[in-house]
Amino acid sequence: MQSLRCFGVGDGTASAGRNHSAYLYSFGGVSVLVDCGEPISRSFKASGLSYDLIDHVFVSHMHADHVGGLFMLLQGFWLEQRKKELHLHLPAASIQPLRQMLQAAFLFDELLPFRLSFSPLANAEPVVAQTVRVTPFFTTHLQTLRKTFQAKYPGDYAAYCFLLEAEGRRIGHSADLGSPRDLEPLLAQPLDLLVCEIAHFQPEELFGYLRGREIKHIAFTHVARYYWERLEETRRLATRLLPSTKFSFPQDDDILQLEPQPHAV
């Protein structure tokens, strides 16, 4: 079975009704978690899923709503005695600081009953996990911050979207974007599913950009609070501007089953 479990669909604002970004993609025997917004540890425990299920974790960028739950997730894996190696993929400049933070939180390698490996993401360089191929692509999400603060706070200010390919299916995952045009590498070929945020630009701009694209299903997530509170109005706008496209607005814990017939490759 191939599916997407939405552990958190909220935007970056505090919310009593939505968790922060965390998405579990399952492709038969391989499971990939994209982003670790809090409270992923609590949500994962409540799901009843095996603590050895997740093979790879991809962190799109280091904003707290995408990485804030990682420490408790790792602590949960430790205390629940996970055994299988965990592969953690994240922006290159974040690896050393994260290692130091894990040590400061007393999550030492020697305590973990599983091997934790760190790999830097690189633009357009795929990660192959058995039958799954995950390719990160740069987005411009953090470039305004980079221009403003890089001289004082050096770093690569990297943010990524992802193309997931498995068994002929092509899935795009936007994470956070600077512009809808950041999606272009994901849309170079038809998609079976696009998981796309609506928090950093007007819905009209995104819907217009996606109109007429070859996408079987668009799941709009990370919806800005203003538009989430007016969800029916946002839905009507999507219906008007995307008249021939199947779309949805998932909520926390929703499970999307992937289409049974993939695009021809």
Protein backbone atom coordinates (compact mmCIF):
# COMPACT_ATOMS: atom_id res chain seq x y z
CA MET A 1 0.00 0.00 0.00
CA GLN A 2 1.25 3.47 -0.87
CA SER A 3 -0.05 6.34 1.20
CA LEU A 4 0.59 9.72 2.77
CA ARG A 5 -0.22 10.29 6.43
CA CYS A 6 -0.51 13.97 7.35
CA PHE A 7 0.70 14.23 10.95
CA GLY A 8 0.71 18.03 10.80
CA VAL A 9 -0.75 20.38 8.19
CA GLY A 10 -0.53 23.70 10.04
CA ASP A 11 1.39 26.82 9.07
CA GLY A 12 4.04 28.52 11.18
CA THR A 13 1.62 30.25 13.56
CA ALA A 14 0.58 28.81 16.92
CA SER A 15 -2.63 26.82 16.59
CA ALA A 16 -4.98 24.99 18.90
CA GLY A 17 -6.34 22.93 16.03
CA ARG A 18 -3.43 22.07 13.73
CA ASN A 19 -0.05 20.46 14.29
CA HIS A 20 3.06 21.68 12.51
CA SER A 21 4.55 20.20 9.35
CA ALA A 22 5.13 16.44 9.36
CA TYR A 23 4.24 14.07 6.51
CA LEU A 24 4.80 10.31 6.41
CA TYR A 25 5.05 8.76 2.95
CA SER A 26 4.77 4.96 2.85
CA PHE A 27 5.80 3.03 -0.26
CA GLY A 28 5.36 -0.63 0.54
CA GLY A 29 8.42 -1.50 2.58
CA VAL A 30 9.97 1.99 2.67
CA SER A 31 8.70 4.91 4.78
CA VAL A 32 9.91 8.50 4.52
CA LEU A 33 9.07 11.30 6.95
CA VAL A 34 9.25 14.80 5.49
CA ASP A 35 9.74 17.44 8.20
CA CYS A 36 9.37 17.09 11.97
CA GLY A 37 7.14 19.85 13.25
CA GLU A 38 5.90 19.41 16.79
CA PRO A 39 4.14 17.45 18.25
CA ILE A 40 5.29 14.66 15.93
CA SER A 41 6.44 12.44 18.81
CA ARG A 42 3.00 12.52 20.45
CA SER A 43 1.22 12.07 17.10
CA PHE A 44 3.41 9.15 16.12
CA LYS A 45 2.81 7.42 19.45
CA ALA A 46 -0.94 7.92 19.10
CA SER A 47 -0.86 6.37 15.61
CA GLY A 48 0.22 3.00 16.98
CA LEU A 49 2.77 2.63 14.22
CA SER A 50 5.99 0.71 14.79
CA TYR A 51 8.96 2.75 15.99
CA ASP A 52 11.04 0.90 13.40
CA LEU A 53 8.77 2.00 10.55
CA ILE A 54 10.48 5.21 9.41
CA ASP A 55 13.59 4.66 7.28
CA HIS A 56 14.50 8.22 6.31
CA VAL A 57 13.73 11.68 7.68
CA PHE A 58 14.05 14.68 5.35
CA VAL A 59 14.15 18.15 6.89
CA SER A 60 13.36 20.76 4.25
CA HIS A 61 14.79 23.70 6.21
CA MET A 62 15.44 24.73 9.77
CA HIS A 63 12.42 26.86 10.60
CA ALA A 64 11.04 25.68 13.94
CA ASP A 65 7.66 24.61 12.54
CA HIS A 66 9.50 22.10 10.33
CA VAL A 67 12.14 20.82 12.74
CA GLY A 68 10.87 21.68 16.23
CA GLY A 69 9.66 18.14 17.00
CA LEU A 70 12.83 16.33 15.96
CA PHE A 71 14.40 16.10 19.42
CA MET A 72 11.35 14.51 21.02
CA LEU A 73 10.95 12.17 18.05
CA LEU A 74 14.53 10.97 18.51
CA GLN A 75 14.07 10.70 22.27
CA GLY A 76 10.93 8.65 21.65
CA PHE A 77 12.85 6.35 19.32
CA TRP A 78 15.47 5.92 22.06
CA LEU A 79 13.06 5.23 24.91
CA GLU A 80 10.86 2.95 22.80
CA GLN A 81 14.00 1.00 21.82
CA ARG A 82 13.96 1.48 18.10
CA LYS A 83 16.52 -0.87 16.51
CA LYS A 84 16.70 0.01 12.81
CA GLU A 85 19.17 2.57 11.48
CA LEU A 86 17.67 6.01 10.89
CA HIS A 87 18.89 8.19 8.03
CA LEU A 88 18.51 11.92 8.63
CA HIS A 89 18.82 14.26 5.62
CA LEU A 90 18.95 18.02 6.12
CA PRO A 91 20.64 21.20 4.86
CA ALA A 92 24.42 20.83 5.04
CA ALA A 93 25.09 23.83 7.29
CA SER A 94 22.64 22.45 9.87
CA ILE A 95 24.33 19.13 10.53
CA GLN A 96 27.09 20.21 12.91
CA PRO A 97 24.89 22.54 15.01
CA LEU A 98 22.27 19.80 15.24
CA ARG A 99 24.85 17.28 16.42
CA GLN A 100 25.93 19.75 19.11
CA MET A 101 22.33 20.30 20.18
CA LEU A 102 21.75 16.56 20.47
CA GLN A 103 24.79 16.32 22.72
CA ALA A 104 23.54 19.26 24.79
CA ALA A 105 20.23 17.41 25.18
CA PHE A 106 22.14 14.27 26.32
CA LEU A 107 21.02 12.28 23.28
CA PHE A 108 24.44 10.73 22.87
CA ASP A 109 25.18 8.20 20.12
CA GLU A 110 26.15 5.69 22.80
CA LEU A 111 22.67 5.86 24.35
CA LEU A 112 20.75 5.26 21.14
CA PRO A 113 19.93 1.60 20.43
CA PHE A 114 19.96 2.41 16.70
CA ARG A 115 22.49 4.02 14.37
CA LEU A 116 21.70 7.63 13.46
CA SER A 117 23.32 8.83 10.24
CA PHE A 118 23.42 12.40 8.90
CA SER A 119 23.51 13.30 5.21
CA PRO A 120 23.58 16.77 3.63
CA LEU A 121 20.93 17.64 1.08
CA ALA A 122 22.23 18.93 -2.25
CA ASN A 123 20.27 20.56 -5.02
CA ALA A 124 19.04 18.08 -7.66
CA GLU A 125 21.11 15.24 -6.18
CA PRO A 126 18.77 12.28 -5.51
CA VAL A 127 18.76 10.11 -2.42
CA VAL A 128 17.97 6.49 -3.27
CA ALA A 129 16.33 4.43 -0.54
CA GLN A 130 15.70 0.93 -1.85
CA THR A 131 12.72 1.40 -4.21
CA VAL A 132 12.26 5.11 -3.45
CA ARG A 133 14.11 8.03 -4.98
CA VAL A 134 13.90 11.44 -3.27
CA THR A 135 15.35 14.45 -5.07
CA PRO A 136 15.68 17.80 -3.28
CA PHE A 137 15.47 21.08 -5.18
CA PHE A 138 16.34 24.53 -3.87
CA THR A 139 13.53 26.93 -3.11
CA THR A 140 13.80 30.67 -2.54
CA HIS A 141 11.95 30.51 0.78
CA LEU A 142 14.86 31.83 2.89
CA GLN A 143 16.51 34.14 0.40
CA THR A 144 15.04 37.36 1.79
CA LEU A 145 16.39 36.42 5.21
CA ARG A 146 19.75 35.60 3.63
CA LYS A 147 20.02 39.02 1.99
CA THR A 148 19.12 40.75 5.22
CA PHE A 149 21.08 38.74 7.78
CA GLN A 150 23.83 36.65 6.17
CA ALA A 151 26.57 39.17 6.91
CA LYS A 152 25.79 39.00 10.61
CA TYR A 153 24.62 35.38 10.76
CA PRO A 154 26.57 33.38 8.14
CA GLY A 155 25.01 30.27 6.69
CA ASP A 156 23.73 28.77 3.48
CA TYR A 157 20.05 29.62 4.20
CA ALA A 158 19.06 26.52 2.24
CA ALA A 159 15.47 25.37 1.84
CA TYR A 160 14.25 22.51 -0.32
CA CYS A 161 11.20 21.04 -1.95
CA PHE A 162 11.20 17.34 -2.85
CA LEU A 163 10.34 15.01 -5.71
CA LEU A 164 9.52 11.50 -4.51
CA GLU A 165 9.50 8.70 -7.07
CA ALA A 166 8.49 5.12 -6.36
CA GLU A 167 7.07 2.34 -8.53
CA GLY A 168 6.32 4.71 -11.38
CA ARG A 169 4.63 7.33 -9.23
CA ARG A 170 5.83 10.92 -9.04
CA ILE A 171 4.96 12.99 -5.98
CA GLY A 172 5.91 16.62 -5.42
CA HIS A 173 6.23 18.01 -1.91
CA SER A 174 6.63 21.78 -1.74
CA ALA A 175 7.63 22.27 1.92
CA ASP A 176 7.93 26.11 2.12
CA LEU A 177 8.35 28.20 -1.01
CA GLY A 178 9.44 31.70 -1.82
CA SER A 179 7.33 31.73 -4.99
CA PRO A 180 5.13 29.25 -6.86
CA ARG A 181 7.85 29.24 -9.52
CA ASP A 182 10.00 27.23 -7.10
CA LEU A 183 7.78 24.27 -8.06
CA GLU A 184 9.03 24.23 -11.65
CA PRO A 185 11.49 21.31 -11.22
CA LEU A 186 8.71 19.20 -9.70
CA LEU A 187 6.33 20.00 -12.56
CA ALA A 188 8.75 19.19 -15.38
CA GLN A 189 6.85 15.92 -15.81
CA PRO A 190 3.30 14.94 -14.76
CA LEU A 191 2.67 14.37 -11.06
CA ASP A 192 0.39 11.86 -9.39
CA LEU A 193 0.25 14.02 -6.26
CA LEU A 194 1.42 17.50 -5.33
CA VAL A 195 1.46 18.41 -1.64
CA CYS A 196 1.64 22.19 -1.72
CA GLU A 197 1.70 24.96 0.85
CA ILE A 198 -0.41 28.13 0.80
CA ALA A 199 1.21 30.35 3.39
CA HIS A 200 3.74 32.58 1.66
CA PHE A 201 1.77 34.06 -1.24
CA GLN A 202 -1.82 34.76 -2.27
CA PRO A 203 -3.93 31.68 -3.16
CA GLU A 204 -4.90 33.33 -6.44
CA GLU A 205 -1.24 33.44 -7.45
CA LEU A 206 -0.68 29.76 -6.64
CA PHE A 207 -3.94 28.52 -8.19
CA GLY A 208 -3.26 30.50 -11.35
CA TYR A 209 0.25 29.07 -11.58
CA LEU A 210 -1.04 25.49 -11.19
CA ARG A 211 -3.97 25.85 -13.59
CA GLY A 212 -3.71 23.42 -16.49
CA ARG A 213 -0.74 21.51 -15.07
CA GLU A 214 -0.62 17.74 -15.39
CA ILE A 215 -1.31 16.83 -11.76
CA LYS A 216 -3.76 14.10 -10.75
CA HIS A 217 -4.34 15.45 -7.24
CA ILE A 218 -3.22 18.53 -5.32
CA ALA A 219 -3.29 18.43 -1.52
CA PHE A 220 -3.13 22.00 -0.21
CA THR A 221 -1.44 22.11 3.20
CA HIS A 222 0.40 24.59 5.45
CA VAL A 223 -2.49 26.92 4.71
CA ALA A 224 -2.01 30.37 6.24
CA ARG A 225 -4.23 30.92 9.26
CA TYR A 226 -6.21 33.70 7.54
CA TYR A 227 -7.19 31.37 4.68
CA TRP A 228 -7.70 28.33 6.94
CA GLU A 229 -10.21 30.30 9.00
CA ARG A 230 -12.00 31.05 5.69
CA LEU A 231 -11.52 27.56 4.28
CA GLU A 232 -14.82 27.33 2.42
CA GLU A 233 -14.08 30.62 0.68
CA THR A 234 -10.57 29.36 -0.19
CA ARG A 235 -12.06 26.10 -1.46
CA ARG A 236 -14.51 27.94 -3.70
CA LEU A 237 -11.68 30.01 -5.13
CA ALA A 238 -9.70 26.82 -5.90
CA THR A 239 -12.77 25.31 -7.57
CA ARG A 240 -13.12 28.36 -9.79
CA LEU A 241 -9.44 28.69 -10.73
CA LEU A 242 -8.66 24.94 -10.96
CA PRO A 243 -11.85 23.67 -12.61
CA SER A 244 -10.38 20.44 -14.02
CA THR A 245 -8.04 19.52 -11.15
CA LYS A 246 -8.80 17.23 -8.23
CA PHE A 247 -7.75 18.90 -5.00
CA SER A 248 -8.19 18.57 -1.24
CA PHE A 249 -7.34 20.38 1.99
CA PRO A 250 -6.17 17.61 4.36
CA GLN A 251 -6.40 17.91 8.11
CA ASP A 252 -4.12 16.46 10.78
CA ASP A 253 -4.05 12.64 10.76
CA ASP A 254 -5.74 12.37 7.36
CA ILE A 255 -4.41 9.51 5.25
CA LEU A 256 -4.31 9.91 1.48
CA GLN A 257 -4.13 6.72 -0.54
CA LEU A 258 -2.10 7.21 -3.69
CA GLU A 259 -3.81 6.74 -7.02
CA PRO A 260 -3.86 3.08 -8.12
CA GLN A 261 -2.73 3.83 -11.67
CA PRO A 262 0.56 5.78 -11.90
CA HIS A 263 1.53 7.95 -14.83
CA ALA A 264 3.38 6.11 -17.54
CA VAL A 265 7.15 6.59 -17.34
